[in-house]
Amino acid sequence: YTTVRPFVLARDEYRCRNRIDGQVCGRRANQVDHIGDRHDHRPEMLQ
């Protein structure tokens, strides 16, 4: 909550990175999701 989550939200410009029909959602993001393994907390594995 102090480092990882704020970093990912700022890196992604607080925009949703989910793809819907090939398009990025782009709505205001307020959550951080694991792309693959839920135990892998590296920023490149979060969105």
All heavy atoms as atom14 arrays in JSON, in Angstrom:
{
  "sequence": "YTTVRPFVLARDEYRCRNRIDGQVCGRRANQVDHIGDRHDHRPEMLQ",
  "atom14_mask": [
    [1, 1, 1, 1, 1, 1, 1, 1, 1, 1, 1, 1, 0, 0],
    [1, 1, 1, 1, 1, 1, 1, 0, 0, 0, 0, 0, 0, 0],
    [1, 1, 1, 1, 1, 1, 1, 0, 0, 0, 0, 0, 0, 0],
    [1, 1, 1, 1, 1, 1, 1, 0, 0, 0, 0, 0, 0, 0],
    [1, 1, 1, 1, 1, 1, 1, 1, 1, 1, 1, 0, 0, 0],
    [1, 1, 1, 1, 1, 1, 1, 0, 0, 0, 0, 0, 0, 0],
    [1, 1, 1, 1, 1, 1, 1, 1, 1, 1, 1, 0, 0, 0],
    [1, 1, 1, 1, 1, 1, 1, 0, 0, 0, 0, 0, 0, 0],
    [1, 1, 1, 1, 1, 1, 1, 1, 0, 0, 0, 0, 0, 0],
    [1, 1, 1, 1, 1, 0, 0, 0, 0, 0, 0, 0, 0, 0],
    [1, 1, 1, 1, 1, 1, 1, 1, 1, 1, 1, 0, 0, 0],
    [1, 1, 1, 1, 1, 1, 1, 1, 0, 0, 0, 0, 0, 0],
    [1, 1, 1, 1, 1, 1, 1, 1, 1, 0, 0, 0, 0, 0],
    [1, 1, 1, 1, 1, 1, 1, 1, 1, 1, 1, 1, 0, 0],
    [1, 1, 1, 1, 1, 1, 1, 1, 1, 1, 1, 0, 0, 0],
    [1, 1, 1, 1, 1, 1, 0, 0, 0, 0, 0, 0, 0, 0],
    [1, 1, 1, 1, 1, 1, 1, 1, 1, 1, 1, 0, 0, 0],
    [1, 1, 1, 1, 1, 1, 1, 1, 0, 0, 0, 0, 0, 0],
    [1, 1, 1, 1, 1, 1, 1, 1, 1, 1, 1, 0, 0, 0],
    [1, 1, 1, 1, 1, 1, 1, 1, 0, 0, 0, 0, 0, 0],
    [1, 1, 1, 1, 1, 1, 1, 1, 0, 0, 0, 0, 0, 0],
    [1, 1, 1, 1, 0, 0, 0, 0, 0, 0, 0, 0, 0, 0],
    [1, 1, 1, 1, 1, 1, 1, 1, 1, 0, 0, 0, 0, 0],
    [1, 1, 1, 1, 1, 1, 1, 0, 0, 0, 0, 0, 0, 0],
    [1, 1, 1, 1, 1, 1, 0, 0, 0, 0, 0, 0, 0, 0],
    [1, 1, 1, 1, 0, 0, 0, 0, 0, 0, 0, 0, 0, 0],
    [1, 1, 1, 1, 1, 1, 1, 1, 1, 1, 1, 0, 0, 0],
    [1, 1, 1, 1, 1, 1, 1, 1, 1, 1, 1, 0, 0, 0],
    [1, 1, 1, 1, 1, 0, 0, 0, 0, 0, 0, 0, 0, 0],
    [1, 1, 1, 1, 1, 1, 1, 1, 0, 0, 0, 0, 0, 0],
    [1, 1, 1, 1, 1, 1, 1, 1, 1, 0, 0, 0, 0, 0],
    [1, 1, 1, 1, 1, 1, 1, 0, 0, 0, 0, 0, 0, 0],
    [1, 1, 1, 1, 1, 1, 1, 1, 0, 0, 0, 0, 0, 0],
    [1, 1, 1, 1, 1, 1, 1, 1, 1, 1, 0, 0, 0, 0],
    [1, 1, 1, 1, 1, 1, 1, 1, 0, 0, 0, 0, 0, 0],
    [1, 1, 1, 1, 0, 0, 0, 0, 0, 0, 0, 0, 0, 0],
    [1, 1, 1, 1, 1, 1, 1, 1, 0, 0, 0, 0, 0, 0],
    [1, 1, 1, 1, 1, 1, 1, 1, 1, 1, 1, 0, 0, 0],
    [1, 1, 1, 1, 1, 1, 1, 1, 1, 1, 0, 0, 0, 0],
    [1, 1, 1, 1, 1, 1, 1, 1, 0, 0, 0, 0, 0, 0],
    [1, 1, 1, 1, 1, 1, 1, 1, 1, 1, 0, 0, 0, 0],
    [1, 1, 1, 1, 1, 1, 1, 1, 1, 1, 1, 0, 0, 0],
    [1, 1, 1, 1, 1, 1, 1, 0, 0, 0, 0, 0, 0, 0],
    [1, 1, 1, 1, 1, 1, 1, 1, 1, 0, 0, 0, 0, 0],
    [1, 1, 1, 1, 1, 1, 1, 1, 0, 0, 0, 0, 0, 0],
    [1, 1, 1, 1, 1, 1, 1, 1, 0, 0, 0, 0, 0, 0],
    [1, 1, 1, 1, 1, 1, 1, 1, 1, 0, 0, 0, 0, 0]
  ],
  "atom14_positions": [
    [[0.8, -1.22, 0.0], [0.0, 0.0, 0.0], [0.83, 1.27, 0.0], [0.36, 2.32, -0.41], [-0.97, 0.01, 1.19], [-2.04, -1.05, 1.03], [-1.97, -2.25, 1.72], [-3.1, -0.85, 0.16], [-2.94, -3.23, 1.55], [-4.08, -1.82, -0.02], [-3.99, -3.01, 0.68], [-4.94, -3.98, 0.5], [0.0, 0.0, 0.0], [0.0, 0.0, 0.0]],
    [[2.08, 1.19, 0.45], [2.91, 2.39, 0.53], [3.82, 2.58, -0.68], [4.16, 3.71, -1.02], [3.79, 2.35, 1.8], [4.6, 1.16, 1.77], [2.93, 2.36, 3.06], [0.0, 0.0, 0.0], [0.0, 0.0, 0.0], [0.0, 0.0, 0.0], [0.0, 0.0, 0.0], [0.0, 0.0, 0.0], [0.0, 0.0, 0.0], [0.0, 0.0, 0.0]],
    [[4.2, 1.49, -1.34], [5.14, 1.59, -2.45], [4.64, 0.94, -3.74], [4.53, 1.59, -4.77], [6.49, 0.93, -2.05], [6.95, 1.53, -0.84], [7.53, 1.11, -3.14], [0.0, 0.0, 0.0], [0.0, 0.0, 0.0], [0.0, 0.0, 0.0], [0.0, 0.0, 0.0], [0.0, 0.0, 0.0], [0.0, 0.0, 0.0], [0.0, 0.0, 0.0]],
    [[4.34, -0.35, -3.69], [4.03, -1.13, -4.91], [2.76, -0.6, -5.59], [2.79, -0.24, -6.78], [3.9, -2.63, -4.59], [3.52, -3.41, -5.84], [5.18, -3.16, -3.97], [0.0, 0.0, 0.0], [0.0, 0.0, 0.0], [0.0, 0.0, 0.0], [0.0, 0.0, 0.0], [0.0, 0.0, 0.0], [0.0, 0.0, 0.0], [0.0, 0.0, 0.0]],
    [[1.66, -0.57, -4.87], [0.38, -0.16, -5.45], [0.43, 1.28, -5.99], [0.04, 1.51, -7.15], [-0.72, -0.33, -4.41], [-2.11, -0.06, -4.92], [-3.14, -0.36, -3.81], [-4.47, -0.16, -4.29], [-5.09, 1.02, -4.34], [-4.48, 2.1, -3.93], [-6.31, 1.1, -4.82], [0.0, 0.0, 0.0], [0.0, 0.0, 0.0], [0.0, 0.0, 0.0]],
    [[0.92, 2.25, -5.19], [1.0, 3.62, -5.73], [1.89, 3.73, -6.97], [1.59, 4.46, -7.9], [1.58, 4.44, -4.57], [1.29, 3.65, -3.35], [1.3, 2.21, -3.77], [0.0, 0.0, 0.0], [0.0, 0.0, 0.0], [0.0, 0.0, 0.0], [0.0, 0.0, 0.0], [0.0, 0.0, 0.0], [0.0, 0.0, 0.0], [0.0, 0.0, 0.0]],
    [[2.99, 2.94, -6.99], [3.89, 2.98, -8.15], [3.16, 2.51, -9.41], [3.24, 3.15, -10.46], [5.13, 2.11, -7.91], [5.98, 1.97, -9.14], [6.87, 2.97, -9.49], [5.86, 0.86, -9.96], [7.63, 2.86, -10.66], [6.62, 0.74, -11.12], [7.51, 1.74, -11.46], [0.0, 0.0, 0.0], [0.0, 0.0, 0.0], [0.0, 0.0, 0.0]],
    [[2.45, 1.38, -9.31], [1.77, 0.82, -10.49], [0.66, 1.76, -10.97], [0.53, 2.0, -12.18], [1.21, -0.59, -10.19], [0.36, -1.1, -11.34], [2.37, -1.55, -9.91], [0.0, 0.0, 0.0], [0.0, 0.0, 0.0], [0.0, 0.0, 0.0], [0.0, 0.0, 0.0], [0.0, 0.0, 0.0], [0.0, 0.0, 0.0], [0.0, 0.0, 0.0]],
    [[-0.12, 2.3, -10.07], [-1.18, 3.23, -10.47], [-0.6, 4.46, -11.17], [-1.11, 4.88, -12.22], [-2.01, 3.64, -9.25], [-2.92, 2.55, -8.68], [-3.5, 2.98, -7.34], [-4.03, 2.2, -9.66], [0.0, 0.0, 0.0], [0.0, 0.0, 0.0], [0.0, 0.0, 0.0], [0.0, 0.0, 0.0], [0.0, 0.0, 0.0], [0.0, 0.0, 0.0]],
    [[0.48, 5.02, -10.61], [1.11, 6.2, -11.24], [1.72, 5.84, -12.59], [1.57, 6.58, -13.56], [2.16, 6.78, -10.31], [0.0, 0.0, 0.0], [0.0, 0.0, 0.0], [0.0, 0.0, 0.0], [0.0, 0.0, 0.0], [0.0, 0.0, 0.0], [0.0, 0.0, 0.0], [0.0, 0.0, 0.0], [0.0, 0.0, 0.0], [0.0, 0.0, 0.0]],
    [[2.41, 4.7, -12.65], [3.03, 4.27, -13.92], [1.98, 4.14, -15.02], [2.2, 4.53, -16.16], [3.74, 2.92, -13.7], [4.39, 2.38, -14.97], [4.64, 0.89, -14.9], [3.38, 0.16, -14.84], [3.3, -1.12, -14.45], [4.37, -1.78, -14.06], [2.13, -1.72, -14.42], [0.0, 0.0, 0.0], [0.0, 0.0, 0.0], [0.0, 0.0, 0.0]],
    [[0.83, 3.58, -14.67], [-0.25, 3.38, -15.64], [-1.17, 4.59, -15.74], [-2.23, 4.52, -16.36], [-1.05, 2.12, -15.27], [-0.25, 0.85, -15.47], [0.84, 0.9, -16.07], [-0.71, -0.22, -15.0], [0.0, 0.0, 0.0], [0.0, 0.0, 0.0], [0.0, 0.0, 0.0], [0.0, 0.0, 0.0], [0.0, 0.0, 0.0], [0.0, 0.0, 0.0]],
    [[-0.74, 5.7, -15.15], [-1.46, 6.98, -15.22], [-2.9, 6.88, -14.72], [-3.8, 7.55, -15.23], [-1.4, 7.54, -16.64], [0.01, 7.78, -17.12], [0.1, 8.22, -18.56], [-0.86, 7.99, -19.34], [1.14, 8.79, -18.92], [0.0, 0.0, 0.0], [0.0, 0.0, 0.0], [0.0, 0.0, 0.0], [0.0, 0.0, 0.0], [0.0, 0.0, 0.0]],
    [[-3.12, 6.01, -13.74], [-4.44, 5.82, -13.14], [-5.5, 5.5, -14.19], [-6.66, 5.88, -14.06], [-4.85, 7.05, -12.31], [-4.04, 7.17, -11.05], [-2.8, 7.81, -11.04], [-4.5, 6.63, -9.85], [-2.06, 7.92, -9.88], [-3.76, 6.72, -8.68], [-2.53, 7.38, -8.71], [-1.8, 7.47, -7.56], [0.0, 0.0, 0.0], [0.0, 0.0, 0.0]],
    [[-5.09, 4.77, -15.24], [-6.0, 4.37, -16.31], [-6.04, 2.85, -16.38], [-5.0, 2.18, -16.3], [-5.56, 4.93, -17.66], [-5.64, 6.43, -17.73], [-7.08, 6.86, -17.79], [-7.2, 8.29, -17.52], [-8.28, 8.85, -17.0], [-9.32, 8.13, -16.71], [-8.33, 10.13, -16.78], [0.0, 0.0, 0.0], [0.0, 0.0, 0.0], [0.0, 0.0, 0.0]],
    [[-7.23, 2.31, -16.56], [-7.43, 0.87, -16.65], [-6.73, 0.32, -17.89], [-6.91, 0.83, -18.99], [-8.93, 0.56, -16.7], [-9.29, -1.21, -16.78], [0.0, 0.0, 0.0], [0.0, 0.0, 0.0], [0.0, 0.0, 0.0], [0.0, 0.0, 0.0], [0.0, 0.0, 0.0], [0.0, 0.0, 0.0], [0.0, 0.0, 0.0], [0.0, 0.0, 0.0]],
    [[-5.93, -0.72, -17.7], [-5.16, -1.33, -18.79], [-5.83, -2.57, -19.37], [-5.27, -3.23, -20.25], [-3.75, -1.69, -18.31], [-2.94, -0.49, -17.87], [-2.75, 0.44, -19.04], [-2.05, 1.64, -18.63], [-2.22, 2.81, -19.18], [-3.04, 2.95, -20.2], [-1.56, 3.86, -18.75], [0.0, 0.0, 0.0], [0.0, 0.0, 0.0], [0.0, 0.0, 0.0]],
    [[-7.03, -2.88, -18.9], [-7.73, -4.06, -19.41], [-8.09, -3.86, -20.88], [-8.48, -2.77, -21.29], [-9.0, -4.31, -18.59], [-9.64, -5.64, -18.92], [-8.96, -6.65, -19.06], [-10.95, -5.64, -19.05], [0.0, 0.0, 0.0], [0.0, 0.0, 0.0], [0.0, 0.0, 0.0], [0.0, 0.0, 0.0], [0.0, 0.0, 0.0], [0.0, 0.0, 0.0]],
    [[-7.95, -4.93, -21.66], [-8.3, -4.86, -23.08], [-9.67, -5.48, -23.29], [-9.93, -6.59, -22.86], [-7.27, -5.59, -23.93], [-5.94, -4.87, -23.94], [-5.07, -5.37, -25.1], [-3.99, -4.45, -25.33], [-4.06, -3.38, -26.13], [-5.16, -3.12, -26.78], [-3.02, -2.6, -26.28], [0.0, 0.0, 0.0], [0.0, 0.0, 0.0], [0.0, 0.0, 0.0]],
    [[-10.53, -4.72, -23.97], [-11.88, -5.17, -24.31], [-12.02, -5.07, -25.82], [-11.93, -3.97, -26.37], [-12.95, -4.3, -23.61], [-12.74, -4.33, -22.09], [-14.35, -4.76, -23.99], [-13.55, -3.27, -21.35], [0.0, 0.0, 0.0], [0.0, 0.0, 0.0], [0.0, 0.0, 0.0], [0.0, 0.0, 0.0], [0.0, 0.0, 0.0], [0.0, 0.0, 0.0]],
    [[-12.18, -6.2, -26.47], [-12.28, -6.24, -27.94], [-11.11, -5.52, -28.6], [-11.28, -4.76, -29.55], [-13.61, -5.63, -28.41], [-14.81, -6.39, -27.9], [-14.71, -7.63, -27.78], [-15.85, -5.76, -27.63], [0.0, 0.0, 0.0], [0.0, 0.0, 0.0], [0.0, 0.0, 0.0], [0.0, 0.0, 0.0], [0.0, 0.0, 0.0], [0.0, 0.0, 0.0]],
    [[-9.9, -5.74, -28.05], [-8.7, -5.17, -28.63], [-8.41, -3.73, -28.24], [-7.39, -3.18, -28.62], [0.0, 0.0, 0.0], [0.0, 0.0, 0.0], [0.0, 0.0, 0.0], [0.0, 0.0, 0.0], [0.0, 0.0, 0.0], [0.0, 0.0, 0.0], [0.0, 0.0, 0.0], [0.0, 0.0, 0.0], [0.0, 0.0, 0.0], [0.0, 0.0, 0.0]],
    [[-9.32, -3.1, -27.52], [-9.16, -1.71, -27.1], [-8.88, -1.65, -25.6], [-9.46, -2.41, -24.83], [-10.44, -0.91, -27.38], [-10.82, -0.85, -28.83], [-9.9, 0.06, -29.62], [-9.36, 1.02, -29.1], [-9.72, -0.25, -30.89], [0.0, 0.0, 0.0], [0.0, 0.0, 0.0], [0.0, 0.0, 0.0], [0.0, 0.0, 0.0], [0.0, 0.0, 0.0]],
    [[-8.01, -0.74, -25.18], [-7.75, -0.54, -23.76], [-8.95, 0.16, -23.15], [-9.46, 1.13, -23.71], [-6.46, 0.31, -23.55], [-6.27, 0.64, -22.08], [-5.26, -0.44, -24.09], [0.0, 0.0, 0.0], [0.0, 0.0, 0.0], [0.0, 0.0, 0.0], [0.0, 0.0, 0.0], [0.0, 0.0, 0.0], [0.0, 0.0, 0.0], [0.0, 0.0, 0.0]],
    [[-9.42, -0.34, -22.01], [-10.59, 0.26, -21.34], [-10.36, 1.75, -21.09], [-11.19, 2.56, -21.49], [-10.86, -0.48, -20.01], [-12.11, 0.3, -18.97], [0.0, 0.0, 0.0], [0.0, 0.0, 0.0], [0.0, 0.0, 0.0], [0.0, 0.0, 0.0], [0.0, 0.0, 0.0], [0.0, 0.0, 0.0], [0.0, 0.0, 0.0], [0.0, 0.0, 0.0]],
    [[-9.29, 2.1, -20.4], [-8.92, 3.5, -20.22], [-9.68, 4.26, -19.15], [-9.39, 5.43, -18.9], [0.0, 0.0, 0.0], [0.0, 0.0, 0.0], [0.0, 0.0, 0.0], [0.0, 0.0, 0.0], [0.0, 0.0, 0.0], [0.0, 0.0, 0.0], [0.0, 0.0, 0.0], [0.0, 0.0, 0.0], [0.0, 0.0, 0.0], [0.0, 0.0, 0.0]],
    [[-10.67, 3.63, -18.51], [-11.38, 4.34, -17.44], [-10.46, 4.55, -16.24], [-9.4, 3.95, -16.14], [-12.62, 3.55, -17.01], [-13.71, 3.59, -18.07], [-14.99, 3.0, -17.56], [-14.8, 1.55, -17.39], [-15.73, 0.74, -16.93], [-16.89, 1.21, -16.55], [-15.49, -0.54, -16.82], [0.0, 0.0, 0.0], [0.0, 0.0, 0.0], [0.0, 0.0, 0.0]],
    [[-10.87, 5.38, -15.32], [-10.1, 5.69, -14.12], [-9.84, 4.41, -13.32], [-10.77, 3.69, -12.96], [-10.86, 6.7, -13.25], [-10.16, 7.05, -11.98], [-9.49, 8.37, -12.1], [-8.95, 8.76, -10.8], [-7.71, 9.16, -10.64], [-6.91, 9.26, -11.68], [-7.26, 9.5, -9.46], [0.0, 0.0, 0.0], [0.0, 0.0, 0.0], [0.0, 0.0, 0.0]],
    [[-8.58, 4.11, -13.09], [-8.19, 2.9, -12.35], [-7.94, 3.24, -10.89], [-7.33, 4.25, -10.57], [-6.93, 2.3, -12.96], [0.0, 0.0, 0.0], [0.0, 0.0, 0.0], [0.0, 0.0, 0.0], [0.0, 0.0, 0.0], [0.0, 0.0, 0.0], [0.0, 0.0, 0.0], [0.0, 0.0, 0.0], [0.0, 0.0, 0.0], [0.0, 0.0, 0.0]],
    [[-8.43, 2.38, -10.02], [-8.19, 2.54, -8.59], [-7.76, 1.23, -7.94], [-7.7, 1.12, -6.72], [-9.43, 3.1, -7.89], [-10.63, 2.18, -8.02], [-10.6, 1.18, -8.72], [-11.7, 2.53, -7.34], [0.0, 0.0, 0.0], [0.0, 0.0, 0.0], [0.0, 0.0, 0.0], [0.0, 0.0, 0.0], [0.0, 0.0, 0.0], [0.0, 0.0, 0.0]],
    [[-7.47, 0.22, -8.77], [-7.07, -1.08, -8.25], [-5.87, -1.6, -9.03], [-5.65, -1.22, -10.17], [-8.24, -2.06, -8.35], [-9.44, -1.57, -7.56], [-10.58, -2.56, -7.55], [-10.43, -3.73, -7.88], [-11.75, -2.09, -7.15], [0.0, 0.0, 0.0], [0.0, 0.0, 0.0], [0.0, 0.0, 0.0], [0.0, 0.0, 0.0], [0.0, 0.0, 0.0]],
    [[-5.1, -2.48, -8.38], [-3.93, -3.07, -9.02], [-4.14, -4.58, -9.08], [-4.52, -5.21, -8.09], [-2.63, -2.72, -8.25], [-1.44, -3.47, -8.82], [-2.38, -1.21, -8.33], [0.0, 0.0, 0.0], [0.0, 0.0, 0.0], [0.0, 0.0, 0.0], [0.0, 0.0, 0.0], [0.0, 0.0, 0.0], [0.0, 0.0, 0.0], [0.0, 0.0, 0.0]],
    [[-3.89, -5.14, -10.25], [-4.17, -6.54, -10.53], [-2.9, -7.28, -10.91], [-2.02, -6.72, -11.58], [-5.16, -6.61, -11.71], [-5.37, -8.0, -12.23], [-5.82, -8.86, -11.45], [-5.08, -8.24, -13.41], [0.0, 0.0, 0.0], [0.0, 0.0, 0.0], [0.0, 0.0, 0.0], [0.0, 0.0, 0.0], [0.0, 0.0, 0.0], [0.0, 0.0, 0.0]],
    [[-2.8, -8.53, -10.47], [-1.7, -9.4, -10.88], [-2.0, -9.93, -12.28], [-3.08, -10.48, -12.51], [-1.55, -10.56, -9.91], [-1.03, -10.15, -8.57], [-1.84, -9.61, -7.6], [0.22, -10.17, -8.06], [-1.11, -9.33, -6.54], [0.14, -9.66, -6.78], [0.0, 0.0, 0.0], [0.0, 0.0, 0.0], [0.0, 0.0, 0.0], [0.0, 0.0, 0.0]],
    [[-1.06, -9.8, -13.19], [-1.27, -10.25, -14.56], [-1.19, -11.77, -14.65], [-1.97, -12.41, -15.32], [-0.23, -9.6, -15.51], [-0.47, -8.09, -15.55], [-0.3, -10.2, -16.91], [0.61, -7.3, -16.25], [0.0, 0.0, 0.0], [0.0, 0.0, 0.0], [0.0, 0.0, 0.0], [0.0, 0.0, 0.0], [0.0, 0.0, 0.0], [0.0, 0.0, 0.0]],
    [[-0.27, -12.35, -13.94], [-0.1, -13.81, -13.97], [-0.22, -14.37, -12.56], [-1.27, -14.3, -11.94], [0.0, 0.0, 0.0], [0.0, 0.0, 0.0], [0.0, 0.0, 0.0], [0.0, 0.0, 0.0], [0.0, 0.0, 0.0], [0.0, 0.0, 0.0], [0.0, 0.0, 0.0], [0.0, 0.0, 0.0], [0.0, 0.0, 0.0], [0.0, 0.0, 0.0]],
    [[0.89, -14.89, -12.07], [0.95, -15.51, -10.75], [0.61, -14.49, -9.67], [1.22, -13.44, -9.57], [2.37, -16.06, -10.54], [2.55, -16.72, -9.18], [1.57, -16.86, -8.42], [3.7, -17.1, -8.87], [0.0, 0.0, 0.0], [0.0, 0.0, 0.0], [0.0, 0.0, 0.0], [0.0, 0.0, 0.0], [0.0, 0.0, 0.0], [0.0, 0.0, 0.0]],
    [[-0.36, -14.82, -8.84], [-0.79, -13.88, -7.8], [0.24, -13.66, -6.71], [0.09, -12.79, -5.87], [-2.1, -14.34, -7.18], [-1.98, -15.58, -6.32], [-3.31, -15.97, -5.78], [-3.15, -16.94, -4.71], [-4.14, -17.4, -4.0], [-5.36, -16.99, -4.23], [-3.92, -18.28, -3.05], [0.0, 0.0, 0.0], [0.0, 0.0, 0.0], [0.0, 0.0, 0.0]],
    [[1.31, -14.44, -6.74], [2.38, -14.29, -5.76], [3.56, -13.5, -6.33], [4.53, -13.26, -5.63], [2.86, -15.65, -5.26], [1.77, -16.44, -4.6], [1.21, -16.09, -3.4], [1.1, -17.54, -5.01], [0.26, -16.94, -3.08], [0.17, -17.82, -4.05], [0.0, 0.0, 0.0], [0.0, 0.0, 0.0], [0.0, 0.0, 0.0], [0.0, 0.0, 0.0]],
    [[3.48, -13.12, -7.59], [4.54, -12.36, -8.25], [4.18, -10.87, -8.18], [3.31, -10.4, -8.9], [4.69, -12.81, -9.7], [5.9, -12.21, -10.38], [6.51, -11.27, -9.84], [6.25, -12.69, -11.49], [0.0, 0.0, 0.0], [0.0, 0.0, 0.0], [0.0, 0.0, 0.0], [0.0, 0.0, 0.0], [0.0, 0.0, 0.0], [0.0, 0.0, 0.0]],
    [[4.84, -10.15, -7.28], [4.5, -8.76, -7.02], [5.43, -7.77, -7.72], [5.46, -6.6, -7.37], [4.49, -8.5, -5.52], [3.65, -9.46, -4.75], [2.29, -9.59, -4.94], [3.97, -10.38, -3.82], [1.82, -10.51, -4.13], [2.81, -11.01, -3.45], [0.0, 0.0, 0.0], [0.0, 0.0, 0.0], [0.0, 0.0, 0.0], [0.0, 0.0, 0.0]],
    [[6.19, -8.25, -8.72], [7.05, -7.33, -9.47], [6.17, -6.38, -10.27], [5.14, -6.79, -10.81], [7.96, -8.11, -10.42], [8.99, -8.98, -9.7], [9.77, -9.81, -10.68], [8.86, -10.74, -11.36], [9.05, -11.24, -12.56], [10.12, -10.9, -13.26], [8.19, -12.07, -13.09], [0.0, 0.0, 0.0], [0.0, 0.0, 0.0], [0.0, 0.0, 0.0]],
    [[6.56, -5.11, -10.35], [5.74, -4.13, -11.08], [5.4, -4.54, -12.51], [4.3, -4.27, -12.98], [6.6, -2.86, -11.05], [7.41, -3.0, -9.81], [7.71, -4.48, -9.7], [0.0, 0.0, 0.0], [0.0, 0.0, 0.0], [0.0, 0.0, 0.0], [0.0, 0.0, 0.0], [0.0, 0.0, 0.0], [0.0, 0.0, 0.0], [0.0, 0.0, 0.0]],
    [[6.33, -5.21, -13.19], [6.04, -5.61, -14.58], [4.99, -6.71, -14.66], [4.47, -7.0, -15.74], [7.32, -6.02, -15.31], [8.05, -7.18, -14.71], [9.12, -6.78, -13.69], [9.07, -5.67, -13.14], [10.01, -7.62, -13.44], [0.0, 0.0, 0.0], [0.0, 0.0, 0.0], [0.0, 0.0, 0.0], [0.0, 0.0, 0.0], [0.0, 0.0, 0.0]],
    [[4.64, -7.32, -13.53], [3.61, -8.35, -13.5], [2.31, -7.82, -12.88], [1.43, -8.59, -12.51], [4.11, -9.57, -12.73], [5.3, -10.24, -13.39], [5.02, -10.68, -15.12], [3.73, -11.88, -14.97], [0.0, 0.0, 0.0], [0.0, 0.0, 0.0], [0.0, 0.0, 0.0], [0.0, 0.0, 0.0], [0.0, 0.0, 0.0], [0.0, 0.0, 0.0]],
    [[2.2, -6.49, -12.8], [1.02, -5.85, -12.22], [0.47, -4.83, -13.2], [1.21, -4.27, -14.01], [1.39, -5.16, -10.91], [1.95, -6.05, -9.8], [2.53, -5.2, -8.68], [0.89, -6.99, -9.28], [0.0, 0.0, 0.0], [0.0, 0.0, 0.0], [0.0, 0.0, 0.0], [0.0, 0.0, 0.0], [0.0, 0.0, 0.0], [0.0, 0.0, 0.0]],
    [[-0.84, -4.57, -13.12], [-1.46, -3.57, -13.98], [-2.56, -2.86, -13.23], [-3.18, -3.42, -12.33], [-2.03, -4.22, -15.24], [-3.16, -5.2, -14.97], [-3.67, -5.88, -16.22], [-3.39, -5.44, -17.32], [-4.42, -6.96, -16.05], [0.0, 0.0, 0.0], [0.0, 0.0, 0.0], [0.0, 0.0, 0.0], [0.0, 0.0, 0.0], [0.0, 0.0, 0.0]]
  ]
}
